[in-house]
Amino acid sequence: MDSLKSYLNQGVSFLQESWSELAKVHYPSPKETMQATIVVIALTFIMALWLGLIDLGATRVVRALLS
């Protein structure tokens, strides 16, 4: 019986602590979300260009070595 009370107390404590932590969460505004989205898209585009250039260079090196 004591172990059941212990589990219930732990469960209640966990829920109280979880609720307390959720109150601390900062949810971004729509403006912040849009800014972050633009940054992610821009960085993705830059990385795609960079990797494309690296791939093009590596392809030319391999073709030069094989011919």
PDB file of N, CA and C in Angstrom:
ATOM      1  N   MET A   1       0.811  -1.191   0.000  1.00  0.00           N
ATOM      2  CA  MET A   1       0.000   0.000   0.000  1.00  0.00           C
ATOM      3  C   MET A   1       0.861   1.264   0.000  1.00  0.00           C
ATOM      4  N   ASP A   2       1.966   1.214   0.767  1.00  0.00           N
ATOM      5  CA  ASP A   2       2.860   2.370   0.808  1.00  0.00           C
ATOM      6  C   ASP A   2       3.508   2.616  -0.546  1.00  0.00           C
ATOM      7  N   SER A   3       3.815   1.532  -1.261  1.00  0.00           N
ATOM      8  CA  SER A   3       4.441   1.716  -2.565  1.00  0.00           C
ATOM      9  C   SER A   3       3.470   2.362  -3.546  1.00  0.00           C
ATOM     10  N   LEU A   4       2.175   2.055  -3.431  1.00  0.00           N
ATOM     11  CA  LEU A   4       1.174   2.672  -4.293  1.00  0.00           C
ATOM     12  C   LEU A   4       1.091   4.169  -4.008  1.00  0.00           C
ATOM     13  N   LYS A   5       1.099   4.537  -2.725  1.00  0.00           N
ATOM     14  CA  LYS A   5       1.075   5.956  -2.364  1.00  0.00           C
ATOM     15  C   LYS A   5       2.330   6.655  -2.867  1.00  0.00           C
ATOM     16  N   SER A   6       3.463   5.967  -2.790  1.00  0.00           N
ATOM     17  CA  SER A   6       4.716   6.533  -3.263  1.00  0.00           C
ATOM     18  C   SER A   6       4.645   6.804  -4.763  1.00  0.00           C
ATOM     19  N   TYR A   7       4.111   5.835  -5.523  1.00  0.00           N
ATOM     20  CA  TYR A   7       3.979   6.025  -6.975  1.00  0.00           C
ATOM     21  C   TYR A   7       3.027   7.175  -7.287  1.00  0.00           C
ATOM     22  N   LEU A   8       1.939   7.262  -6.545  1.00  0.00           N
ATOM     23  CA  LEU A   8       0.979   8.342  -6.776  1.00  0.00           C
ATOM     24  C   LEU A   8       1.612   9.695  -6.445  1.00  0.00           C
ATOM     25  N   ASN A   9       2.345   9.761  -5.341  1.00  0.00           N
ATOM     26  CA  ASN A   9       3.022  11.008  -4.973  1.00  0.00           C
ATOM     27  C   ASN A   9       4.057  11.404  -6.021  1.00  0.00           C
ATOM     28  N   GLN A  10       4.789  10.423  -6.533  1.00  0.00           N
ATOM     29  CA  GLN A  10       5.768  10.709  -7.580  1.00  0.00           C
ATOM     30  C   GLN A  10       5.071  11.208  -8.839  1.00  0.00           C
ATOM     31  N   GLY A  11       3.936  10.597  -9.171  1.00  0.00           N
ATOM     32  CA  GLY A  11       3.180  11.021 -10.350  1.00  0.00           C
ATOM     33  C   GLY A  11       2.660  12.438 -10.204  1.00  0.00           C
ATOM     34  N   VAL A  12       2.118  12.755  -9.037  1.00  0.00           N
ATOM     35  CA  VAL A  12       1.610  14.103  -8.780  1.00  0.00           C
ATOM     36  C   VAL A  12       2.757  15.103  -8.819  1.00  0.00           C
ATOM     37  N   SER A  13       3.874  14.759  -8.215  1.00  0.00           N
ATOM     38  CA  SER A  13       5.043  15.634  -8.222  1.00  0.00           C
ATOM     39  C   SER A  13       5.530  15.874  -9.644  1.00  0.00           C
ATOM     40  N   PHE A  14       5.568  14.821 -10.445  1.00  0.00           N
ATOM     41  CA  PHE A  14       6.001  14.950 -11.840  1.00  0.00           C
ATOM     42  C   PHE A  14       5.072  15.890 -12.607  1.00  0.00           C
ATOM     43  N   LEU A  15       3.772  15.729 -12.426  1.00  0.00           N
ATOM     44  CA  LEU A  15       2.823  16.588 -13.133  1.00  0.00           C
ATOM     45  C   LEU A  15       2.955  18.043 -12.694  1.00  0.00           C
ATOM     46  N   GLN A  16       3.156  18.286 -11.405  1.00  0.00           N
ATOM     47  CA  GLN A  16       3.322  19.654 -10.922  1.00  0.00           C
ATOM     48  C   GLN A  16       4.592  20.280 -11.497  1.00  0.00           C
ATOM     49  N   GLU A  17       5.679  19.538 -11.507  1.00  0.00           N
ATOM     50  CA  GLU A  17       6.934  20.058 -12.047  1.00  0.00           C
ATOM     51  C   GLU A  17       6.830  20.289 -13.556  1.00  0.00           C
ATOM     52  N   SER A  18       6.142  19.384 -14.247  1.00  0.00           N
ATOM     53  CA  SER A  18       5.960  19.538 -15.695  1.00  0.00           C
ATOM     54  C   SER A  18       5.156  20.788 -16.000  1.00  0.00           C
ATOM     55  N   TRP A  19       4.090  21.002 -15.257  1.00  0.00           N
ATOM     56  CA  TRP A  19       3.252  22.180 -15.470  1.00  0.00           C
ATOM     57  C   TRP A  19       4.046  23.452 -15.190  1.00  0.00           C
ATOM     58  N   SER A  20       4.874  23.411 -14.156  1.00  0.00           N
ATOM     59  CA  SER A  20       5.720  24.551 -13.808  1.00  0.00           C
ATOM     60  C   SER A  20       6.706  24.856 -14.942  1.00  0.00           C
ATOM     61  N   GLU A  21       7.300  23.832 -15.528  1.00  0.00           N
ATOM     62  CA  GLU A  21       8.244  24.033 -16.641  1.00  0.00           C
ATOM     63  C   GLU A  21       7.535  24.540 -17.888  1.00  0.00           C
ATOM     64  N   LEU A  22       6.334  24.053 -18.146  1.00  0.00           N
ATOM     65  CA  LEU A  22       5.588  24.531 -19.312  1.00  0.00           C
ATOM     66  C   LEU A  22       5.244  26.011 -19.192  1.00  0.00           C
ATOM     67  N   ALA A  23       5.076  26.496 -17.974  1.00  0.00           N
ATOM     68  CA  ALA A  23       4.779  27.911 -17.774  1.00  0.00           C
ATOM     69  C   ALA A  23       5.980  28.780 -18.145  1.00  0.00           C
ATOM     70  N   LYS A  24       7.181  28.219 -18.146  1.00  0.00           N
ATOM     71  CA  LYS A  24       8.399  28.966 -18.457  1.00  0.00           C
ATOM     72  C   LYS A  24       8.704  29.011 -19.954  1.00  0.00           C
ATOM     73  N   VAL A  25       7.987  28.243 -20.745  1.00  0.00           N
ATOM     74  CA  VAL A  25       8.281  28.135 -22.174  1.00  0.00           C
ATOM     75  C   VAL A  25       7.926  29.442 -22.877  1.00  0.00           C
ATOM     76  N   HIS A  26       8.831  29.889 -23.739  1.00  0.00           N
ATOM     77  CA  HIS A  26       8.592  31.083 -24.553  1.00  0.00           C
ATOM     78  C   HIS A  26       8.171  30.624 -25.944  1.00  0.00           C
ATOM     79  N   TYR A  27       6.937  30.908 -26.296  1.00  0.00           N
ATOM     80  CA  TYR A  27       6.457  30.569 -27.630  1.00  0.00           C
ATOM     81  C   TYR A  27       6.696  31.771 -28.535  1.00  0.00           C
ATOM     82  N   PRO A  28       7.321  31.555 -29.699  1.00  0.00           N
ATOM     83  CA  PRO A  28       7.650  32.693 -30.568  1.00  0.00           C
ATOM     84  C   PRO A  28       6.404  33.322 -31.173  1.00  0.00           C
ATOM     85  N   SER A  29       6.510  34.609 -31.417  1.00  0.00           N
ATOM     86  CA  SER A  29       5.426  35.333 -32.075  1.00  0.00           C
ATOM     87  C   SER A  29       5.443  34.970 -33.563  1.00  0.00           C
ATOM     88  N   PRO A  30       4.372  35.273 -34.268  1.00  0.00           N
ATOM     89  CA  PRO A  30       4.380  35.011 -35.716  1.00  0.00           C
ATOM     90  C   PRO A  30       5.525  35.721 -36.439  1.00  0.00           C
ATOM     91  N   LYS A  31       5.877  36.922 -35.986  1.00  0.00           N
ATOM     92  CA  LYS A  31       6.981  37.658 -36.614  1.00  0.00           C
ATOM     93  C   LYS A  31       8.301  36.921 -36.399  1.00  0.00           C
ATOM     94  N   GLU A  32       8.545  36.448 -35.177  1.00  0.00           N
ATOM     95  CA  GLU A  32       9.772  35.702 -34.885  1.00  0.00           C
ATOM     96  C   GLU A  32       9.819  34.399 -35.676  1.00  0.00           C
ATOM     97  N   THR A  33       8.678  33.758 -35.801  1.00  0.00           N
ATOM     98  CA  THR A  33       8.613  32.512 -36.568  1.00  0.00           C
ATOM     99  C   THR A  33       8.952  32.760 -38.037  1.00  0.00           C
ATOM    100  N   MET A  34       8.429  33.841 -38.600  1.00  0.00           N
ATOM    101  CA  MET A  34       8.704  34.178 -39.997  1.00  0.00           C
ATOM    102  C   MET A  34      10.182  34.500 -40.191  1.00  0.00           C
ATOM    103  N   GLN A  35      10.765  35.253 -39.265  1.00  0.00           N
ATOM    104  CA  GLN A  35      12.184  35.584 -39.371  1.00  0.00           C
ATOM    105  C   GLN A  35      13.051  34.328 -39.306  1.00  0.00           C
ATOM    106  N   ALA A  36      12.722  33.427 -38.395  1.00  0.00           N
ATOM    107  CA  ALA A  36      13.490  32.187 -38.275  1.00  0.00           C
ATOM    108  C   ALA A  36      13.340  31.339 -39.533  1.00  0.00           C
ATOM    109  N   THR A  37      12.141  31.318 -40.098  1.00  0.00           N
ATOM    110  CA  THR A  37      11.902  30.548 -41.315  1.00  0.00           C
ATOM    111  C   THR A  37      12.731  31.106 -42.472  1.00  0.00           C
ATOM    112  N   ILE A  38      12.788  32.411 -42.589  1.00  0.00           N
ATOM    113  CA  ILE A  38      13.574  33.042 -43.655  1.00  0.00           C
ATOM    114  C   ILE A  38      15.054  32.708 -43.494  1.00  0.00           C
ATOM    115  N   VAL A  39      15.547  32.752 -42.260  1.00  0.00           N
ATOM    116  CA  VAL A  39      16.954  32.412 -42.008  1.00  0.00           C
ATOM    117  C   VAL A  39      17.234  30.971 -42.402  1.00  0.00           C
ATOM    118  N   VAL A  40      16.343  30.056 -42.049  1.00  0.00           N
ATOM    119  CA  VAL A  40      16.543  28.641 -42.377  1.00  0.00           C
ATOM    120  C   VAL A  40      16.549  28.441 -43.889  1.00  0.00           C
ATOM    121  N   ILE A  41      15.614  29.072 -44.585  1.00  0.00           N
ATOM    122  CA  ILE A  41      15.555  28.927 -46.048  1.00  0.00           C
ATOM    123  C   ILE A  41      16.810  29.507 -46.696  1.00  0.00           C
ATOM    124  N   ALA A  42      17.260  30.673 -46.229  1.00  0.00           N
ATOM    125  CA  ALA A  42      18.458  31.293 -46.799  1.00  0.00           C
ATOM    126  C   ALA A  42      19.688  30.422 -46.569  1.00  0.00           C
ATOM    127  N   LEU A  43      19.851  29.909 -45.345  1.00  0.00           N
ATOM    128  CA  LEU A  43      21.008  29.061 -45.061  1.00  0.00           C
ATOM    129  C   LEU A  43      20.955  27.748 -45.849  1.00  0.00           C
ATOM    130  N   THR A  44      19.762  27.213 -46.031  1.00  0.00           N
ATOM    131  CA  THR A  44      19.617  25.998 -46.833  1.00  0.00           C
ATOM    132  C   THR A  44      20.031  26.259 -48.271  1.00  0.00           C
ATOM    133  N   PHE A  45      19.635  27.387 -48.814  1.00  0.00           N
ATOM    134  CA  PHE A  45      20.006  27.751 -50.180  1.00  0.00           C
ATOM    135  C   PHE A  45      21.523  27.937 -50.302  1.00  0.00           C
ATOM    136  N   ILE A  46      22.118  28.620 -49.332  1.00  0.00           N
ATOM    137  CA  ILE A  46      23.571  28.832 -49.352  1.00  0.00           C
ATOM    138  C   ILE A  46      24.312  27.500 -49.271  1.00  0.00           C
ATOM    139  N   MET A  47      23.876  26.611 -48.387  1.00  0.00           N
ATOM    140  CA  MET A  47      24.531  25.310 -48.261  1.00  0.00           C
ATOM    141  C   MET A  47      24.359  24.471 -49.534  1.00  0.00           C
ATOM    142  N   ALA A  48      23.195  24.574 -50.168  1.00  0.00           N
ATOM    143  CA  ALA A  48      22.974  23.838 -51.420  1.00  0.00           C
ATOM    144  C   ALA A  48      23.926  24.337 -52.498  1.00  0.00           C
ATOM    145  N   LEU A  49      24.104  25.651 -52.582  1.00  0.00           N
ATOM    146  CA  LEU A  49      25.051  26.202 -53.559  1.00  0.00           C
ATOM    147  C   LEU A  49      26.472  25.740 -53.250  1.00  0.00           C
ATOM    148  N   TRP A  50      26.857  25.803 -51.994  1.00  0.00           N
ATOM    149  CA  TRP A  50      28.204  25.399 -51.586  1.00  0.00           C
ATOM    150  C   TRP A  50      28.453  23.927 -51.927  1.00  0.00           C
ATOM    151  N   LEU A  51      27.526  23.075 -51.548  1.00  0.00           N
ATOM    152  CA  LEU A  51      27.698  21.644 -51.828  1.00  0.00           C
ATOM    153  C   LEU A  51      27.675  21.363 -53.326  1.00  0.00           C
ATOM    154  N   GLY A  52      26.865  22.111 -54.071  1.00  0.00           N
ATOM    155  CA  GLY A  52      26.837  21.946 -55.518  1.00  0.00           C
ATOM    156  C   GLY A  52      28.168  22.314 -56.155  1.00  0.00           C
ATOM    157  N   LEU A  53      28.769  23.398 -55.676  1.00  0.00           N
ATOM    158  CA  LEU A  53      30.073  23.802 -56.200  1.00  0.00           C
ATOM    159  C   LEU A  53      31.155  22.788 -55.841  1.00  0.00           C
ATOM    160  N   ILE A  54      31.127  22.283 -54.620  1.00  0.00           N
ATOM    161  CA  ILE A  54      32.091  21.264 -54.202  1.00  0.00           C
ATOM    162  C   ILE A  54      31.923  20.010 -55.064  1.00  0.00           C
ATOM    163  N   ASP A  55      30.677  19.613 -55.302  1.00  0.00           N
ATOM    164  CA  ASP A  55      30.413  18.437 -56.124  1.00  0.00           C
ATOM    165  C   ASP A  55      30.895  18.652 -57.553  1.00  0.00           C
ATOM    166  N   LEU A  56      30.650  19.821 -58.096  1.00  0.00           N
ATOM    167  CA  LEU A  56      31.103  20.123 -59.458  1.00  0.00           C
ATOM    168  C   LEU A  56      32.627  20.056 -59.543  1.00  0.00           C
ATOM    169  N   GLY A  57      33.299  20.649 -58.556  1.00  0.00           N
ATOM    170  CA  GLY A  57      34.761  20.605 -58.546  1.00  0.00           C
ATOM    171  C   GLY A  57      35.293  19.190 -58.401  1.00  0.00           C
ATOM    172  N   ALA A  58      34.699  18.410 -57.514  1.00  0.00           N
ATOM    173  CA  ALA A  58      35.143  17.039 -57.314  1.00  0.00           C
ATOM    174  C   ALA A  58      34.913  16.204 -58.572  1.00  0.00           C
ATOM    175  N   THR A  59      33.803  16.438 -59.237  1.00  0.00           N
ATOM    176  CA  THR A  59      33.510  15.716 -60.473  1.00  0.00           C
ATOM    177  C   THR A  59      34.563  16.024 -61.545  1.00  0.00           C
ATOM    178  N   ARG A  60      34.904  17.289 -61.656  1.00  0.00           N
ATOM    179  CA  ARG A  60      35.919  17.671 -62.662  1.00  0.00           C
ATOM    180  C   ARG A  60      37.283  17.074 -62.334  1.00  0.00           C
ATOM    181  N   VAL A  61      37.634  17.028 -61.062  1.00  0.00           N
ATOM    182  CA  VAL A  61      38.914  16.444 -60.659  1.00  0.00           C
ATOM    183  C   VAL A  61      38.935  14.956 -60.987  1.00  0.00           C
ATOM    184  N   VAL A  62      37.863  14.259 -60.662  1.00  0.00           N
ATOM    185  CA  VAL A  62      37.804  12.804 -60.912  1.00  0.00           C
ATOM    186  C   VAL A  62      37.853  12.546 -62.411  1.00  0.00           C
ATOM    187  N   ARG A  63      37.105  13.324 -63.209  1.00  0.00           N
ATOM    188  CA  ARG A  63      37.111  13.124 -64.660  1.00  0.00           C
ATOM    189  C   ARG A  63      38.508  13.400 -65.241  1.00  0.00           C
ATOM    190  N   ALA A  64      39.192  14.409 -64.710  1.00  0.00           N
ATOM    191  CA  ALA A  64      40.537  14.729 -65.194  1.00  0.00           C
ATOM    192  C   ALA A  64      41.508  13.591 -64.852  1.00  0.00           C
ATOM    193  N   LEU A  65      41.338  13.013 -63.678  1.00  0.00           N
ATOM    194  CA  LEU A  65      42.223  11.914 -63.262  1.00  0.00           C
ATOM    195  C   LEU A  65      41.950  10.643 -64.073  1.00  0.00           C
ATOM    196  N   LEU A  66      40.704  10.416 -64.452  1.00  0.00           N
ATOM    197  CA  LEU A  66      40.347   9.194 -65.168  1.00  0.00           C
ATOM    198  C   LEU A  66      40.579   9.294 -66.674  1.00  0.00           C
ATOM    199  N   SER A  67      40.714  10.485 -67.206  1.00  0.00           N
ATOM    200  CA  SER A  67      40.889  10.590 -68.658  1.00  0.00           C
ATOM    201  C   SER A  67      42.341  10.710 -69.057  1.00  0.00           C
TER     202      SER A  67
END
